[in-house]
Amino acid sequence: MADIQRGEPIEEATLVAYLQRAQQESDPDAFDGLYLLFADRVYRYLLARLGDAEMAEEVTSQVFLRLIEKVHMYRISQSDNVAIFSAWLYRMAYNKMVDILRARRRANLVDLEHAERLYADGSADNIHDRIDNESIFSKLQLLNEQQREVLILRFIEELSITETAETMQKSEGAIKALQHRALASLRRYLQVQT
């Protein structure tokens, strides 16, 4: 199997090969490959949800430990495994995050120094962008849980409507409506600030 780099685009054949090896052989290299493909994505998702870099790292590691235990439960389909497996893994990350939050009962905002870690391409490269990002992340905390989730999946994780619907276990129409309401609420919160 070809060497892969962290966070590179996920190809169907590569993912299926790793999943088959992980399920059939419990191959450590296959789990390494899955980790390289998905760890940064899961981390960014959790960081945006939790607002705490250390907690996001901790939950990410727990998600991948859970993946090792549960990978045999994933059913490889004939096509679209990238979307289906991604939704399955994000759901696992969400569930693990909720478990930890229930145990800890605390909520924090994203620190300004950690905000740029949400961007894989390092696009938050000047102080004005960082201030804007901090403002947006703080306002995200004012949205309800589902509105925050849909915006994070759609705009930070860049999932499609279909992938977001699978992850959140809702219809595509419900996701579109939820996204519309979430953006309207976020816009109102941001306008109050100015």
N, C-alpha and C. Protein backbone atom coordinates (compact mmCIF):
# COMPACT_ATOMS: atom_id res chain seq x y z
N MET A 1 0.83 -1.18 0.00
CA MET A 1 0.00 0.00 0.00
C MET A 1 0.88 1.25 0.00
N ALA A 2 0.45 2.23 -0.75
CA ALA A 2 1.23 3.46 -0.87
C ALA A 2 1.26 4.20 0.47
N ASP A 3 2.38 4.91 0.69
CA ASP A 3 2.46 5.73 1.89
C ASP A 3 1.50 6.90 1.76
N ILE A 4 0.87 7.23 2.86
CA ILE A 4 -0.04 8.37 2.86
C ILE A 4 0.43 9.40 3.85
N GLN A 5 -0.01 10.61 3.65
CA GLN A 5 0.33 11.71 4.54
C GLN A 5 -0.90 12.09 5.34
N ARG A 6 -0.66 12.65 6.52
CA ARG A 6 -1.77 13.09 7.38
C ARG A 6 -2.66 14.06 6.65
N GLY A 7 -3.97 13.82 6.76
CA GLY A 7 -4.95 14.76 6.26
C GLY A 7 -5.09 14.84 4.75
N GLU A 8 -4.41 13.97 4.00
CA GLU A 8 -4.53 14.06 2.55
C GLU A 8 -5.93 13.62 2.13
N PRO A 9 -6.35 14.00 0.91
CA PRO A 9 -7.68 13.60 0.45
C PRO A 9 -7.84 12.08 0.53
N ILE A 10 -9.04 11.67 0.86
CA ILE A 10 -9.29 10.25 1.08
C ILE A 10 -9.84 9.63 -0.19
N GLU A 11 -9.17 8.58 -0.65
CA GLU A 11 -9.63 7.86 -1.83
C GLU A 11 -10.35 6.60 -1.38
N GLU A 12 -11.42 6.29 -2.08
CA GLU A 12 -12.27 5.15 -1.74
C GLU A 12 -11.47 3.85 -1.65
N ALA A 13 -10.65 3.58 -2.65
CA ALA A 13 -9.90 2.32 -2.68
C ALA A 13 -8.92 2.22 -1.51
N THR A 14 -8.27 3.31 -1.17
CA THR A 14 -7.33 3.31 -0.06
C THR A 14 -8.06 3.05 1.25
N LEU A 15 -9.17 3.74 1.46
CA LEU A 15 -9.94 3.55 2.69
C LEU A 15 -10.43 2.11 2.81
N VAL A 16 -11.00 1.58 1.75
CA VAL A 16 -11.52 0.21 1.79
C VAL A 16 -10.39 -0.78 2.09
N ALA A 17 -9.23 -0.59 1.48
CA ALA A 17 -8.10 -1.48 1.74
C ALA A 17 -7.68 -1.44 3.21
N TYR A 18 -7.60 -0.24 3.78
CA TYR A 18 -7.26 -0.12 5.20
C TYR A 18 -8.32 -0.76 6.08
N LEU A 19 -9.58 -0.53 5.76
CA LEU A 19 -10.66 -1.10 6.56
C LEU A 19 -10.64 -2.63 6.50
N GLN A 20 -10.44 -3.18 5.32
CA GLN A 20 -10.40 -4.64 5.19
C GLN A 20 -9.25 -5.23 5.99
N ARG A 21 -8.08 -4.60 5.90
CA ARG A 21 -6.92 -5.11 6.66
C ARG A 21 -7.15 -4.96 8.17
N ALA A 22 -7.76 -3.86 8.58
CA ALA A 22 -8.02 -3.65 10.01
C ALA A 22 -9.03 -4.65 10.53
N GLN A 23 -10.04 -4.96 9.73
CA GLN A 23 -11.08 -5.88 10.17
C GLN A 23 -10.64 -7.34 10.11
N GLN A 24 -9.95 -7.72 9.07
CA GLN A 24 -9.62 -9.12 8.87
C GLN A 24 -8.34 -9.53 9.59
N GLU A 25 -7.38 -8.65 9.62
CA GLU A 25 -6.06 -9.02 10.15
C GLU A 25 -5.68 -8.27 11.41
N SER A 26 -6.51 -7.32 11.83
CA SER A 26 -6.15 -6.41 12.94
C SER A 26 -4.74 -5.85 12.73
N ASP A 27 -4.47 -5.47 11.50
CA ASP A 27 -3.16 -5.00 11.08
C ASP A 27 -2.86 -3.61 11.67
N PRO A 28 -1.82 -3.49 12.49
CA PRO A 28 -1.48 -2.18 13.06
C PRO A 28 -1.20 -1.11 12.00
N ASP A 29 -0.62 -1.51 10.87
CA ASP A 29 -0.37 -0.55 9.80
C ASP A 29 -1.67 -0.01 9.20
N ALA A 30 -2.70 -0.85 9.16
CA ALA A 30 -3.99 -0.40 8.67
C ALA A 30 -4.59 0.65 9.61
N PHE A 31 -4.47 0.40 10.91
CA PHE A 31 -4.96 1.39 11.88
C PHE A 31 -4.15 2.68 11.79
N ASP A 32 -2.85 2.56 11.57
CA ASP A 32 -2.02 3.75 11.36
C ASP A 32 -2.52 4.55 10.15
N GLY A 33 -2.84 3.83 9.07
CA GLY A 33 -3.35 4.49 7.87
C GLY A 33 -4.67 5.20 8.12
N LEU A 34 -5.58 4.55 8.84
CA LEU A 34 -6.85 5.18 9.19
C LEU A 34 -6.62 6.42 10.05
N TYR A 35 -5.68 6.30 10.97
CA TYR A 35 -5.36 7.43 11.83
C TYR A 35 -4.82 8.60 11.00
N LEU A 36 -3.91 8.32 10.10
CA LEU A 36 -3.34 9.39 9.26
C LEU A 36 -4.41 10.07 8.40
N LEU A 37 -5.35 9.28 7.91
CA LEU A 37 -6.40 9.85 7.06
C LEU A 37 -7.39 10.70 7.84
N PHE A 38 -7.69 10.31 9.09
CA PHE A 38 -8.81 10.93 9.78
C PHE A 38 -8.47 11.71 11.05
N ALA A 39 -7.31 11.56 11.63
CA ALA A 39 -7.02 12.17 12.94
C ALA A 39 -7.14 13.69 12.91
N ASP A 40 -6.58 14.34 11.92
CA ASP A 40 -6.66 15.80 11.88
C ASP A 40 -8.10 16.28 11.70
N ARG A 41 -8.87 15.56 10.90
CA ARG A 41 -10.26 15.93 10.69
C ARG A 41 -11.06 15.79 11.99
N VAL A 42 -10.88 14.69 12.68
CA VAL A 42 -11.58 14.45 13.95
C VAL A 42 -11.14 15.48 14.99
N TYR A 43 -9.84 15.76 15.03
CA TYR A 43 -9.32 16.74 15.99
C TYR A 43 -9.94 18.12 15.75
N ARG A 44 -9.97 18.58 14.49
CA ARG A 44 -10.54 19.90 14.18
C ARG A 44 -12.02 19.95 14.57
N TYR A 45 -12.73 18.88 14.28
CA TYR A 45 -14.14 18.80 14.65
C TYR A 45 -14.31 18.93 16.16
N LEU A 46 -13.52 18.19 16.91
CA LEU A 46 -13.62 18.21 18.37
C LEU A 46 -13.15 19.54 18.95
N LEU A 47 -12.10 20.12 18.38
CA LEU A 47 -11.62 21.41 18.86
C LEU A 47 -12.69 22.48 18.68
N ALA A 48 -13.35 22.48 17.55
CA ALA A 48 -14.41 23.45 17.30
C ALA A 48 -15.58 23.24 18.25
N ARG A 49 -15.86 22.00 18.60
CA ARG A 49 -16.97 21.70 19.51
C ARG A 49 -16.61 21.99 20.96
N LEU A 50 -15.40 21.64 21.36
CA LEU A 50 -15.01 21.72 22.76
C LEU A 50 -14.37 23.05 23.14
N GLY A 51 -13.63 23.65 22.21
CA GLY A 51 -12.94 24.89 22.52
C GLY A 51 -11.73 24.71 23.41
N ASP A 52 -11.24 23.51 23.53
CA ASP A 52 -10.12 23.20 24.41
C ASP A 52 -9.20 22.25 23.67
N ALA A 53 -8.01 22.73 23.32
CA ALA A 53 -7.08 21.94 22.50
C ALA A 53 -6.66 20.64 23.19
N GLU A 54 -6.36 20.72 24.48
CA GLU A 54 -5.93 19.51 25.19
C GLU A 54 -7.05 18.49 25.27
N MET A 55 -8.25 18.95 25.55
CA MET A 55 -9.38 18.02 25.62
C MET A 55 -9.67 17.42 24.25
N ALA A 56 -9.56 18.24 23.19
CA ALA A 56 -9.78 17.74 21.83
C ALA A 56 -8.76 16.66 21.49
N GLU A 57 -7.51 16.85 21.90
CA GLU A 57 -6.48 15.83 21.66
C GLU A 57 -6.80 14.55 22.44
N GLU A 58 -7.22 14.72 23.68
CA GLU A 58 -7.56 13.56 24.52
C GLU A 58 -8.73 12.77 23.92
N VAL A 59 -9.78 13.49 23.52
CA VAL A 59 -10.95 12.81 22.97
C VAL A 59 -10.59 12.17 21.63
N THR A 60 -9.79 12.84 20.82
CA THR A 60 -9.36 12.25 19.54
C THR A 60 -8.66 10.93 19.77
N SER A 61 -7.75 10.89 20.73
CA SER A 61 -7.05 9.63 21.00
C SER A 61 -8.02 8.56 21.48
N GLN A 62 -9.01 8.94 22.29
CA GLN A 62 -9.98 7.97 22.76
C GLN A 62 -10.88 7.47 21.63
N VAL A 63 -11.18 8.35 20.68
CA VAL A 63 -11.98 7.94 19.52
C VAL A 63 -11.23 6.86 18.73
N PHE A 64 -9.93 7.05 18.56
CA PHE A 64 -9.18 6.06 17.77
C PHE A 64 -8.95 4.77 18.54
N LEU A 65 -8.88 4.85 19.85
CA LEU A 65 -8.86 3.62 20.65
C LEU A 65 -10.18 2.87 20.50
N ARG A 66 -11.26 3.63 20.50
CA ARG A 66 -12.59 3.04 20.32
C ARG A 66 -12.71 2.44 18.92
N LEU A 67 -12.13 3.10 17.93
CA LEU A 67 -12.16 2.58 16.56
C LEU A 67 -11.49 1.21 16.50
N ILE A 68 -10.38 1.05 17.19
CA ILE A 68 -9.70 -0.24 17.21
C ILE A 68 -10.64 -1.32 17.75
N GLU A 69 -11.40 -0.98 18.79
CA GLU A 69 -12.33 -1.94 19.39
C GLU A 69 -13.53 -2.22 18.49
N LYS A 70 -13.99 -1.21 17.74
CA LYS A 70 -15.27 -1.32 17.03
C LYS A 70 -15.18 -1.41 15.51
N VAL A 71 -13.98 -1.40 14.95
CA VAL A 71 -13.86 -1.38 13.49
C VAL A 71 -14.55 -2.59 12.85
N HIS A 72 -14.60 -3.70 13.55
CA HIS A 72 -15.26 -4.89 13.01
C HIS A 72 -16.77 -4.68 12.82
N MET A 73 -17.34 -3.68 13.48
CA MET A 73 -18.78 -3.41 13.37
C MET A 73 -19.12 -2.62 12.11
N TYR A 74 -18.14 -1.95 11.52
CA TYR A 74 -18.40 -1.18 10.31
C TYR A 74 -18.57 -2.15 9.14
N ARG A 75 -19.62 -1.95 8.37
CA ARG A 75 -19.90 -2.78 7.20
C ARG A 75 -19.47 -2.04 5.95
N ILE A 76 -18.49 -2.58 5.27
CA ILE A 76 -17.98 -1.97 4.04
C ILE A 76 -19.05 -2.11 2.96
N SER A 77 -19.39 -0.99 2.32
CA SER A 77 -20.41 -1.01 1.27
C SER A 77 -19.75 -1.07 -0.11
N GLN A 78 -20.58 -1.19 -1.11
CA GLN A 78 -20.07 -1.27 -2.48
C GLN A 78 -19.49 0.06 -2.96
N SER A 79 -20.00 1.16 -2.42
CA SER A 79 -19.50 2.49 -2.80
C SER A 79 -19.76 3.46 -1.67
N ASP A 80 -19.21 4.65 -1.81
CA ASP A 80 -19.41 5.75 -0.85
C ASP A 80 -18.90 5.45 0.56
N ASN A 81 -17.91 4.62 0.70
CA ASN A 81 -17.37 4.32 2.03
C ASN A 81 -16.72 5.54 2.66
N VAL A 82 -16.19 6.44 1.85
CA VAL A 82 -15.56 7.64 2.41
C VAL A 82 -16.62 8.43 3.19
N ALA A 83 -17.77 8.66 2.59
CA ALA A 83 -18.83 9.41 3.26
C ALA A 83 -19.43 8.61 4.41
N ILE A 84 -19.69 7.35 4.20
CA ILE A 84 -20.34 6.52 5.23
C ILE A 84 -19.42 6.32 6.42
N PHE A 85 -18.17 5.97 6.16
CA PHE A 85 -17.23 5.76 7.27
C PHE A 85 -16.96 7.07 8.01
N SER A 86 -16.84 8.17 7.26
CA SER A 86 -16.63 9.48 7.89
C SER A 86 -17.77 9.80 8.83
N ALA A 87 -19.00 9.60 8.37
CA ALA A 87 -20.17 9.86 9.21
C ALA A 87 -20.15 8.96 10.45
N TRP A 88 -19.80 7.71 10.27
CA TRP A 88 -19.72 6.75 11.37
C TRP A 88 -18.66 7.20 12.38
N LEU A 89 -17.51 7.63 11.89
CA LEU A 89 -16.41 8.06 12.77
C LEU A 89 -16.76 9.37 13.48
N TYR A 90 -17.37 10.33 12.77
CA TYR A 90 -17.79 11.58 13.42
C TYR A 90 -18.84 11.31 14.49
N ARG A 91 -19.75 10.37 14.23
CA ARG A 91 -20.76 10.01 15.23
C ARG A 91 -20.06 9.42 16.46
N MET A 92 -19.06 8.59 16.23
CA MET A 92 -18.29 8.02 17.33
C MET A 92 -17.60 9.14 18.12
N ALA A 93 -17.03 10.11 17.42
CA ALA A 93 -16.35 11.24 18.07
C ALA A 93 -17.37 12.06 18.88
N TYR A 94 -18.51 12.29 18.29
CA TYR A 94 -19.55 13.05 18.99
C TYR A 94 -19.97 12.33 20.28
N ASN A 95 -20.23 11.04 20.18
CA ASN A 95 -20.65 10.27 21.35
C ASN A 95 -19.58 10.26 22.44
N LYS A 96 -18.33 10.11 22.05
CA LYS A 96 -17.24 10.11 23.03
C LYS A 96 -17.12 11.48 23.68
N MET A 97 -17.27 12.54 22.88
CA MET A 97 -17.20 13.90 23.41
C MET A 97 -18.32 14.13 24.43
N VAL A 98 -19.53 13.69 24.11
CA VAL A 98 -20.66 13.87 25.02
C VAL A 98 -20.41 13.11 26.32
N ASP A 99 -19.88 11.90 26.23
CA ASP A 99 -19.55 11.13 27.43
C ASP A 99 -18.58 11.90 28.33
N ILE A 100 -17.56 12.46 27.72
CA ILE A 100 -16.54 13.18 28.49
C ILE A 100 -17.11 14.48 29.06
N LEU A 101 -17.91 15.18 28.28
CA LEU A 101 -18.51 16.43 28.78
C LEU A 101 -19.45 16.15 29.94
N ARG A 102 -20.19 15.08 29.85
CA ARG A 102 -21.07 14.73 30.97
C ARG A 102 -20.25 14.46 32.23
N ALA A 103 -19.12 13.82 32.03
CA ALA A 103 -18.27 13.52 33.18
C ALA A 103 -17.62 14.78 33.75
N ARG A 104 -17.23 15.68 32.89
CA ARG A 104 -16.50 16.88 33.34
C ARG A 104 -17.39 18.08 33.62
N ARG A 105 -18.54 18.16 32.94
CA ARG A 105 -19.48 19.26 33.14
C ARG A 105 -18.82 20.63 33.06
N ARG A 106 -18.06 20.86 31.99
CA ARG A 106 -17.47 22.18 31.83
C ARG A 106 -17.48 22.58 30.36
N ALA A 107 -17.54 23.87 30.12
CA ALA A 107 -17.51 24.39 28.75
C ALA A 107 -16.54 25.56 28.70
N ASN A 108 -15.70 25.58 27.67
CA ASN A 108 -14.73 26.66 27.47
C ASN A 108 -14.86 27.18 26.05
N LEU A 109 -14.35 28.37 25.83
CA LEU A 109 -14.27 28.93 24.49
C LEU A 109 -12.91 28.62 23.91
N VAL A 110 -12.80 28.69 22.58
CA VAL A 110 -11.52 28.48 21.93
C VAL A 110 -10.59 29.64 22.29
N ASP A 111 -9.42 29.34 22.80
CA ASP A 111 -8.43 30.37 23.07
C ASP A 111 -7.93 30.94 21.75
N LEU A 112 -7.63 32.21 21.74
CA LEU A 112 -7.14 32.87 20.54
C LEU A 112 -5.92 32.16 19.98
N GLU A 113 -5.02 31.71 20.85
CA GLU A 113 -3.79 31.06 20.38
C GLU A 113 -4.06 29.71 19.73
N HIS A 114 -5.23 29.09 19.99
CA HIS A 114 -5.53 27.79 19.41
C HIS A 114 -6.45 27.88 18.19
N ALA A 115 -7.02 29.03 17.93
CA ALA A 115 -8.00 29.17 16.85
C ALA A 115 -7.42 28.79 15.50
N GLU A 116 -6.17 29.14 15.25
CA GLU A 116 -5.61 28.84 13.93
C GLU A 116 -5.40 27.34 13.71
N ARG A 117 -5.41 26.54 14.76
CA ARG A 117 -5.26 25.09 14.61
C ARG A 117 -6.48 24.46 13.97
N LEU A 118 -7.59 25.19 13.90
CA LEU A 118 -8.78 24.68 13.25
C LEU A 118 -8.62 24.62 11.74
N TYR A 119 -7.65 25.34 11.22
CA TYR A 119 -7.48 25.42 9.78
C TYR A 119 -6.28 24.58 9.35
N ALA A 120 -6.55 23.57 8.55
CA ALA A 120 -5.48 22.70 8.09
C ALA A 120 -4.50 23.45 7.20
N ASP A 121 -4.97 24.47 6.49
CA ASP A 121 -4.10 25.19 5.57
C ASP A 121 -3.46 26.43 6.18
N GLY A 122 -3.66 26.68 7.48
CA GLY A 122 -3.03 27.82 8.15
C GLY A 122 -3.53 29.16 7.66
N SER A 123 -4.80 29.24 7.22
CA SER A 123 -5.30 30.47 6.62
C SER A 123 -5.52 31.60 7.63
N ALA A 124 -5.56 31.32 8.89
CA ALA A 124 -5.73 32.38 9.89
C ALA A 124 -4.36 32.94 10.22
N ASP A 125 -3.80 33.73 9.29
CA ASP A 125 -2.41 34.12 9.42
C ASP A 125 -2.18 35.55 9.86
N ASN A 126 -3.23 36.30 10.12
CA ASN A 126 -2.99 37.64 10.66
C ASN A 126 -3.91 37.90 11.84
N ILE A 127 -3.59 38.90 12.59
CA ILE A 127 -4.29 39.15 13.86
C ILE A 127 -5.76 39.49 13.64
N HIS A 128 -6.09 40.17 12.55
CA HIS A 128 -7.49 40.50 12.29
C HIS A 128 -8.31 39.24 12.05
N ASP A 129 -7.76 38.30 11.30
CA ASP A 129 -8.44 37.03 11.09
C ASP A 129 -8.63 36.31 12.41
N ARG A 130 -7.61 36.32 13.25
CA ARG A 130 -7.71 35.64 14.54
C ARG A 130 -8.79 36.27 15.42
N ILE A 131 -8.84 37.57 15.44
CA ILE A 131 -9.87 38.25 16.24
C ILE A 131 -11.26 37.91 15.69
N ASP A 132 -11.41 37.95 14.37
CA ASP A 132 -12.69 37.59 13.76
C ASP A 132 -13.07 36.15 14.10
N ASN A 133 -12.10 35.25 14.01
CA ASN A 133 -12.36 33.85 14.32
C ASN A 133 -12.76 33.67 15.77
N GLU A 134 -12.07 34.35 16.66
CA GLU A 134 -12.42 34.25 18.08
C GLU A 134 -13.84 34.73 18.32
N SER A 135 -14.22 35.79 17.66
CA SER A 135 -15.57 36.32 17.79
C SER A 135 -16.60 35.31 17.30
N ILE A 136 -16.34 34.72 16.15
CA ILE A 136 -17.26 33.73 15.59
C ILE A 136 -17.35 32.52 16.51
N PHE A 137 -16.21 32.01 16.99
CA PHE A 137 -16.24 30.84 17.86
C PHE A 137 -16.96 31.12 19.17
N SER A 138 -16.80 32.32 19.69
CA SER A 138 -17.52 32.65 20.93
C SER A 138 -19.01 32.72 20.67
N LYS A 139 -19.42 33.24 19.51
CA LYS A 139 -20.84 33.31 19.18
C LYS A 139 -21.41 31.93 18.86
N LEU A 140 -20.60 31.03 18.34
CA LEU A 140 -21.06 29.66 18.11
C LEU A 140 -21.54 29.02 19.40
N GLN A 141 -20.90 29.38 20.50
CA GLN A 141 -21.27 28.81 21.79
C GLN A 141 -22.67 29.23 22.22
N LEU A 142 -23.20 30.31 21.63
CA LEU A 142 -24.53 30.79 21.96
C LEU A 142 -25.63 30.03 21.22
N LEU A 143 -25.26 29.32 20.17
CA LEU A 143 -26.24 28.54 19.41
C LEU A 143 -26.60 27.27 20.18
N ASN A 144 -27.75 26.70 19.82
CA ASN A 144 -28.08 25.43 20.46
C ASN A 144 -27.19 24.32 19.89
N GLU A 145 -27.20 23.19 20.54
CA GLU A 145 -26.29 22.08 20.21
C GLU A 145 -26.37 21.67 18.74
N GLN A 146 -27.57 21.51 18.20
CA GLN A 146 -27.70 21.05 16.82
C GLN A 146 -27.28 22.13 15.82
N GLN A 147 -27.58 23.37 16.11
CA GLN A 147 -27.16 24.45 15.21
C GLN A 147 -25.64 24.53 15.17
N ARG A 148 -25.00 24.43 16.33
CA ARG A 148 -23.54 24.47 16.40
C ARG A 148 -22.96 23.29 15.63
N GLU A 149 -23.54 22.11 15.82
CA GLU A 149 -23.06 20.90 15.16
C GLU A 149 -23.14 21.02 13.64
N VAL A 150 -24.26 21.50 13.12
CA VAL A 150 -24.41 21.59 11.66
C VAL A 150 -23.41 22.58 11.07
N LEU A 151 -23.17 23.70 11.73
CA LEU A 151 -22.22 24.68 11.20
C LEU A 151 -20.80 24.16 11.23
N ILE A 152 -20.45 23.46 12.29
CA ILE A 152 -19.10 22.89 12.38
C ILE A 152 -18.89 21.84 11.30
N LEU A 153 -19.84 20.94 11.14
CA LEU A 153 -19.69 19.90 10.13
C LEU A 153 -19.66 20.47 8.71
N ARG A 154 -20.53 21.44 8.45
CA ARG A 154 -20.60 21.99 7.09
C ARG A 154 -19.45 22.92 6.75
N PHE A 155 -19.04 23.80 7.68
CA PHE A 155 -18.10 24.85 7.31
C PHE A 155 -16.70 24.68 7.87
N ILE A 156 -16.53 23.96 8.94
CA ILE A 156 -15.18 23.69 9.44
C ILE A 156 -14.69 22.36 8.89
N GLU A 157 -15.54 21.35 8.98
CA GLU A 157 -15.16 20.04 8.44
C GLU A 157 -15.44 19.91 6.95
N GLU A 158 -16.19 20.85 6.41
CA GLU A 158 -16.51 20.91 4.98
C GLU A 158 -17.19 19.65 4.46
N LEU A 159 -18.09 19.10 5.26
CA LEU A 159 -18.88 17.95 4.82
C LEU A 159 -20.01 18.45 3.92
N SER A 160 -20.43 17.60 3.02
CA SER A 160 -21.57 17.94 2.16
C SER A 160 -22.86 17.85 2.98
N ILE A 161 -23.95 18.30 2.38
CA ILE A 161 -25.26 18.19 3.03
C ILE A 161 -25.55 16.71 3.32
N THR A 162 -25.27 15.85 2.35
CA THR A 162 -25.53 14.41 2.51
C THR A 162 -24.69 13.83 3.65
N GLU A 163 -23.41 14.15 3.68
CA GLU A 163 -22.54 13.63 4.75
C GLU A 163 -22.96 14.17 6.12
N THR A 164 -23.35 15.43 6.16
CA THR A 164 -23.81 16.03 7.42
C THR A 164 -25.09 15.35 7.88
N ALA A 165 -25.99 15.08 6.94
CA ALA A 165 -27.24 14.39 7.28
C ALA A 165 -26.97 13.01 7.85
N GLU A 166 -26.04 12.28 7.24
CA GLU A 166 -25.68 10.95 7.74
C GLU A 166 -25.06 11.05 9.13
N THR A 167 -24.17 12.01 9.32
CA THR A 167 -23.50 12.16 10.61
C THR A 167 -24.49 12.52 11.71
N MET A 168 -25.40 13.43 11.41
CA MET A 168 -26.35 13.89 12.42
C MET A 168 -27.62 13.04 12.47
N GLN A 169 -27.70 12.07 11.57
CA GLN A 169 -28.84 11.15 11.51
C GLN A 169 -30.15 11.92 11.31
N LYS A 170 -30.12 12.79 10.30
CA LYS A 170 -31.28 13.60 9.93
C LYS A 170 -31.43 13.56 8.41
N SER A 171 -32.58 14.01 7.92
CA SER A 171 -32.77 14.09 6.48
C SER A 171 -32.00 15.28 5.92
N GLU A 172 -31.75 15.26 4.62
CA GLU A 172 -31.05 16.38 3.99
C GLU A 172 -31.86 17.66 4.11
N GLY A 173 -33.18 17.57 3.98
CA GLY A 173 -34.04 18.74 4.13
C GLY A 173 -33.93 19.34 5.53
N ALA A 174 -33.88 18.46 6.53
CA ALA A 174 -33.76 18.94 7.91
C ALA A 174 -32.41 19.63 8.12
N ILE A 175 -31.36 19.11 7.50
CA ILE A 175 -30.04 19.73 7.61
C ILE A 175 -30.03 21.10 6.96
N LYS A 176 -30.64 21.22 5.79
CA LYS A 176 -30.70 22.52 5.11
C LYS A 176 -31.44 23.54 5.96
N ALA A 177 -32.57 23.14 6.53
CA ALA A 177 -33.35 24.05 7.37
C ALA A 177 -32.57 24.42 8.62
N LEU A 178 -31.94 23.44 9.24
CA LEU A 178 -31.16 23.67 10.45
C LEU A 178 -29.99 24.60 10.16
N GLN A 179 -29.32 24.38 9.05
CA GLN A 179 -28.20 25.24 8.66
C GLN A 179 -28.68 26.67 8.42
N HIS A 180 -29.81 26.83 7.76
CA HIS A 180 -30.36 28.17 7.50
C HIS A 180 -30.65 28.89 8.81
N ARG A 181 -31.32 28.21 9.74
CA ARG A 181 -31.63 28.82 11.04
C ARG A 181 -30.36 29.13 11.82
N ALA A 182 -29.39 28.23 11.77
CA ALA A 182 -28.14 28.43 12.51
C ALA A 182 -27.38 29.64 11.97
N LEU A 183 -27.30 29.77 10.66
CA LEU A 183 -26.62 30.92 10.06
C LEU A 183 -27.35 32.22 10.39
N ALA A 184 -28.67 32.19 10.37
CA ALA A 184 -29.44 33.39 10.71
C ALA A 184 -29.20 33.78 12.17
N SER A 185 -29.19 32.81 13.06
CA SER A 185 -28.94 33.10 14.48
C SER A 185 -27.53 33.63 14.68
N LEU A 186 -26.55 32.99 14.04
CA LEU A 186 -25.16 33.43 14.17
C LEU A 186 -25.01 34.86 13.63
N ARG A 187 -25.64 35.14 12.51
CA ARG A 187 -25.58 36.49 11.93
C ARG A 187 -26.15 37.51 12.93
N ARG A 188 -27.28 37.19 13.56
CA ARG A 188 -27.88 38.10 14.55
C ARG A 188 -26.93 38.34 15.72
N TYR A 189 -26.32 37.27 16.23
CA TYR A 189 -25.38 37.41 17.35
C TYR A 189 -24.18 38.26 16.97
N LEU A 190 -23.70 38.09 15.75
CA LEU A 190 -22.54 38.87 15.31
C LEU A 190 -22.90 40.33 15.08
N GLN A 191 -24.13 40.61 14.63
CA GLN A 191 -24.56 42.00 14.42
C GLN A 191 -24.74 42.73 15.74
N VAL A 192 -25.16 42.05 16.77
CA VAL A 192 -25.33 42.66 18.09
C VAL A 192 -23.99 43.16 18.60
N GLN A 193 -22.94 42.44 18.27
CA GLN A 193 -21.58 42.76 18.73
C GLN A 193 -21.07 44.05 18.10
N THR A 194 -21.42 44.31 16.84
CA THR A 194 -20.88 45.48 16.14
C THR A 194 -21.61 46.76 16.42
